[in-house]
Amino acid sequence: MSDDLGELLGARPPKGIEKLPEEQQHQLADTLQRARRAQAKALATAGEQSLRYVPAPLRGAVRKAVGL
């Protein structure tokens, strides 16, 4: 399971985490994945909401420029 955590973290997990039981490592990996999905959703929502402050004729160009 520490391989999954390593992929999520982008590095090898700390030794203390590697010593956790597999079930807890799995739970930690799931929690990290859910948190990242929630963060991505919140960022996408914020990006879309910020376009309300851009004049309508420019929104398409701004959306394309910032990758929304």
N, C-alpha and C. Protein backbone atom coordinates (compact mmCIF):
# COMPACT_ATOMS: atom_id res chain seq x y z
N MET A 1 0.82 -1.19 0.00
CA MET A 1 0.00 0.00 0.00
C MET A 1 0.86 1.26 0.00
N SER A 2 2.05 1.19 0.57
CA SER A 2 2.88 2.39 0.59
C SER A 2 3.25 2.83 -0.82
N ASP A 3 3.16 1.91 -1.81
CA ASP A 3 3.39 2.31 -3.20
C ASP A 3 2.30 3.28 -3.65
N ASP A 4 1.05 3.00 -3.28
CA ASP A 4 -0.05 3.91 -3.61
C ASP A 4 0.16 5.26 -2.96
N LEU A 5 0.55 5.24 -1.70
CA LEU A 5 0.81 6.49 -1.01
C LEU A 5 1.99 7.22 -1.64
N GLY A 6 3.01 6.48 -2.04
CA GLY A 6 4.15 7.09 -2.70
C GLY A 6 3.75 7.81 -3.97
N GLU A 7 2.85 7.20 -4.74
CA GLU A 7 2.37 7.85 -5.96
C GLU A 7 1.58 9.11 -5.63
N LEU A 8 0.74 9.03 -4.63
CA LEU A 8 -0.06 10.19 -4.24
C LEU A 8 0.81 11.33 -3.72
N LEU A 9 1.81 10.97 -2.95
CA LEU A 9 2.68 11.98 -2.34
C LEU A 9 3.78 12.46 -3.28
N GLY A 10 4.07 11.68 -4.29
CA GLY A 10 5.16 12.02 -5.19
C GLY A 10 6.53 11.71 -4.61
N ALA A 11 6.54 10.95 -3.55
CA ALA A 11 7.78 10.55 -2.88
C ALA A 11 7.47 9.37 -1.97
N ARG A 12 8.50 8.76 -1.49
CA ARG A 12 8.30 7.65 -0.56
C ARG A 12 7.69 8.18 0.75
N PRO A 13 6.67 7.50 1.25
CA PRO A 13 6.06 7.96 2.51
C PRO A 13 7.07 7.91 3.66
N PRO A 14 6.88 8.75 4.65
CA PRO A 14 7.76 8.70 5.83
C PRO A 14 7.69 7.32 6.48
N LYS A 15 8.76 6.94 7.16
CA LYS A 15 8.84 5.61 7.78
C LYS A 15 7.70 5.35 8.75
N GLY A 16 7.28 6.37 9.46
CA GLY A 16 6.18 6.19 10.40
C GLY A 16 4.89 5.76 9.71
N ILE A 17 4.66 6.30 8.53
CA ILE A 17 3.46 5.91 7.77
C ILE A 17 3.63 4.51 7.21
N GLU A 18 4.83 4.16 6.79
CA GLU A 18 5.07 2.81 6.26
C GLU A 18 4.85 1.74 7.34
N LYS A 19 4.99 2.13 8.59
CA LYS A 19 4.81 1.17 9.68
C LYS A 19 3.34 0.97 10.05
N LEU A 20 2.46 1.81 9.52
CA LEU A 20 1.04 1.66 9.81
C LEU A 20 0.52 0.35 9.21
N PRO A 21 -0.50 -0.22 9.81
CA PRO A 21 -1.12 -1.40 9.22
C PRO A 21 -1.66 -1.08 7.81
N GLU A 22 -1.72 -2.11 6.97
CA GLU A 22 -2.17 -1.93 5.58
C GLU A 22 -3.53 -1.24 5.52
N GLU A 23 -4.44 -1.61 6.41
CA GLU A 23 -5.78 -1.02 6.40
C GLU A 23 -5.72 0.48 6.62
N GLN A 24 -4.88 0.92 7.55
CA GLN A 24 -4.76 2.35 7.82
C GLN A 24 -4.06 3.07 6.67
N GLN A 25 -3.09 2.41 6.04
CA GLN A 25 -2.44 3.00 4.88
C GLN A 25 -3.45 3.17 3.74
N HIS A 26 -4.30 2.17 3.57
CA HIS A 26 -5.33 2.24 2.54
C HIS A 26 -6.31 3.38 2.84
N GLN A 27 -6.71 3.50 4.10
CA GLN A 27 -7.62 4.57 4.51
C GLN A 27 -6.97 5.94 4.27
N LEU A 28 -5.70 6.07 4.58
CA LEU A 28 -4.99 7.33 4.36
C LEU A 28 -4.93 7.66 2.87
N ALA A 29 -4.64 6.67 2.04
CA ALA A 29 -4.59 6.88 0.59
C ALA A 29 -5.96 7.32 0.07
N ASP A 30 -7.01 6.66 0.54
CA ASP A 30 -8.36 7.05 0.12
C ASP A 30 -8.69 8.47 0.55
N THR A 31 -8.33 8.82 1.76
CA THR A 31 -8.59 10.17 2.27
C THR A 31 -7.85 11.21 1.44
N LEU A 32 -6.59 10.93 1.11
CA LEU A 32 -5.82 11.86 0.28
C LEU A 32 -6.44 12.02 -1.10
N GLN A 33 -6.91 10.92 -1.69
CA GLN A 33 -7.54 10.99 -3.01
C GLN A 33 -8.81 11.82 -2.96
N ARG A 34 -9.64 11.60 -1.93
CA ARG A 34 -10.89 12.36 -1.80
C ARG A 34 -10.58 13.85 -1.60
N ALA A 35 -9.57 14.15 -0.80
CA ALA A 35 -9.20 15.54 -0.56
C ALA A 35 -8.71 16.21 -1.84
N ARG A 36 -7.94 15.50 -2.62
CA ARG A 36 -7.45 16.08 -3.89
C ARG A 36 -8.58 16.30 -4.88
N ARG A 37 -9.53 15.35 -4.93
CA ARG A 37 -10.69 15.54 -5.81
C ARG A 37 -11.52 16.74 -5.37
N ALA A 38 -11.73 16.88 -4.06
CA ALA A 38 -12.49 18.01 -3.54
C ALA A 38 -11.78 19.33 -3.83
N GLN A 39 -10.47 19.32 -3.70
CA GLN A 39 -9.69 20.52 -3.97
C GLN A 39 -9.77 20.89 -5.45
N ALA A 40 -9.66 19.90 -6.32
CA ALA A 40 -9.74 20.16 -7.76
C ALA A 40 -11.11 20.71 -8.13
N LYS A 41 -12.16 20.15 -7.53
CA LYS A 41 -13.52 20.63 -7.80
C LYS A 41 -13.67 22.07 -7.32
N ALA A 42 -13.16 22.37 -6.14
CA ALA A 42 -13.26 23.73 -5.60
C ALA A 42 -12.49 24.72 -6.46
N LEU A 43 -11.33 24.32 -6.95
CA LEU A 43 -10.54 25.22 -7.82
C LEU A 43 -11.24 25.45 -9.14
N ALA A 44 -11.85 24.40 -9.70
CA ALA A 44 -12.58 24.56 -10.96
C ALA A 44 -13.77 25.49 -10.78
N THR A 45 -14.48 25.31 -9.68
CA THR A 45 -15.63 26.17 -9.39
C THR A 45 -15.18 27.62 -9.22
N ALA A 46 -14.10 27.83 -8.50
CA ALA A 46 -13.59 29.18 -8.29
C ALA A 46 -13.17 29.81 -9.61
N GLY A 47 -12.55 29.02 -10.46
CA GLY A 47 -12.14 29.53 -11.77
C GLY A 47 -13.32 29.95 -12.61
N GLU A 48 -14.36 29.12 -12.63
CA GLU A 48 -15.56 29.46 -13.39
C GLU A 48 -16.26 30.68 -12.80
N GLN A 49 -16.32 30.76 -11.48
CA GLN A 49 -16.97 31.91 -10.84
C GLN A 49 -16.20 33.20 -11.09
N SER A 50 -14.89 33.09 -11.18
CA SER A 50 -14.09 34.30 -11.41
C SER A 50 -14.33 34.88 -12.79
N LEU A 51 -14.78 34.04 -13.72
CA LEU A 51 -15.04 34.54 -15.07
C LEU A 51 -16.24 35.50 -15.10
N ARG A 52 -17.04 35.51 -14.07
CA ARG A 52 -18.17 36.45 -14.02
C ARG A 52 -17.69 37.89 -14.02
N TYR A 53 -16.45 38.10 -13.61
CA TYR A 53 -15.90 39.46 -13.54
C TYR A 53 -15.22 39.88 -14.84
N VAL A 54 -15.18 38.97 -15.78
CA VAL A 54 -14.59 39.26 -17.08
C VAL A 54 -15.74 39.63 -18.03
N PRO A 55 -15.59 40.68 -18.81
CA PRO A 55 -16.65 41.04 -19.76
C PRO A 55 -17.00 39.84 -20.66
N ALA A 56 -18.30 39.69 -20.91
CA ALA A 56 -18.80 38.53 -21.67
C ALA A 56 -18.07 38.28 -22.99
N PRO A 57 -17.78 39.31 -23.80
CA PRO A 57 -17.11 39.04 -25.08
C PRO A 57 -15.69 38.47 -24.93
N LEU A 58 -15.08 38.66 -23.78
CA LEU A 58 -13.70 38.21 -23.57
C LEU A 58 -13.62 36.85 -22.85
N ARG A 59 -14.72 36.36 -22.32
CA ARG A 59 -14.69 35.14 -21.50
C ARG A 59 -14.12 33.94 -22.23
N GLY A 60 -14.48 33.76 -23.48
CA GLY A 60 -13.96 32.61 -24.23
C GLY A 60 -12.45 32.66 -24.35
N ALA A 61 -11.92 33.83 -24.67
CA ALA A 61 -10.48 33.98 -24.82
C ALA A 61 -9.76 33.79 -23.48
N VAL A 62 -10.35 34.34 -22.43
CA VAL A 62 -9.74 34.21 -21.09
C VAL A 62 -9.79 32.75 -20.64
N ARG A 63 -10.93 32.10 -20.87
CA ARG A 63 -11.08 30.69 -20.50
C ARG A 63 -10.00 29.84 -21.21
N LYS A 64 -9.79 30.12 -22.49
CA LYS A 64 -8.79 29.38 -23.25
C LYS A 64 -7.37 29.70 -22.75
N ALA A 65 -7.12 30.95 -22.44
CA ALA A 65 -5.79 31.36 -22.00
C ALA A 65 -5.40 30.75 -20.66
N VAL A 66 -6.37 30.61 -19.77
CA VAL A 66 -6.05 30.07 -18.44
C VAL A 66 -6.32 28.57 -18.34
N GLY A 67 -6.82 27.97 -19.41
CA GLY A 67 -7.00 26.52 -19.44
C GLY A 67 -8.24 26.02 -18.74
N LEU A 68 -9.30 26.79 -18.76
CA LEU A 68 -10.57 26.34 -18.15
C LEU A 68 -11.46 25.67 -19.17
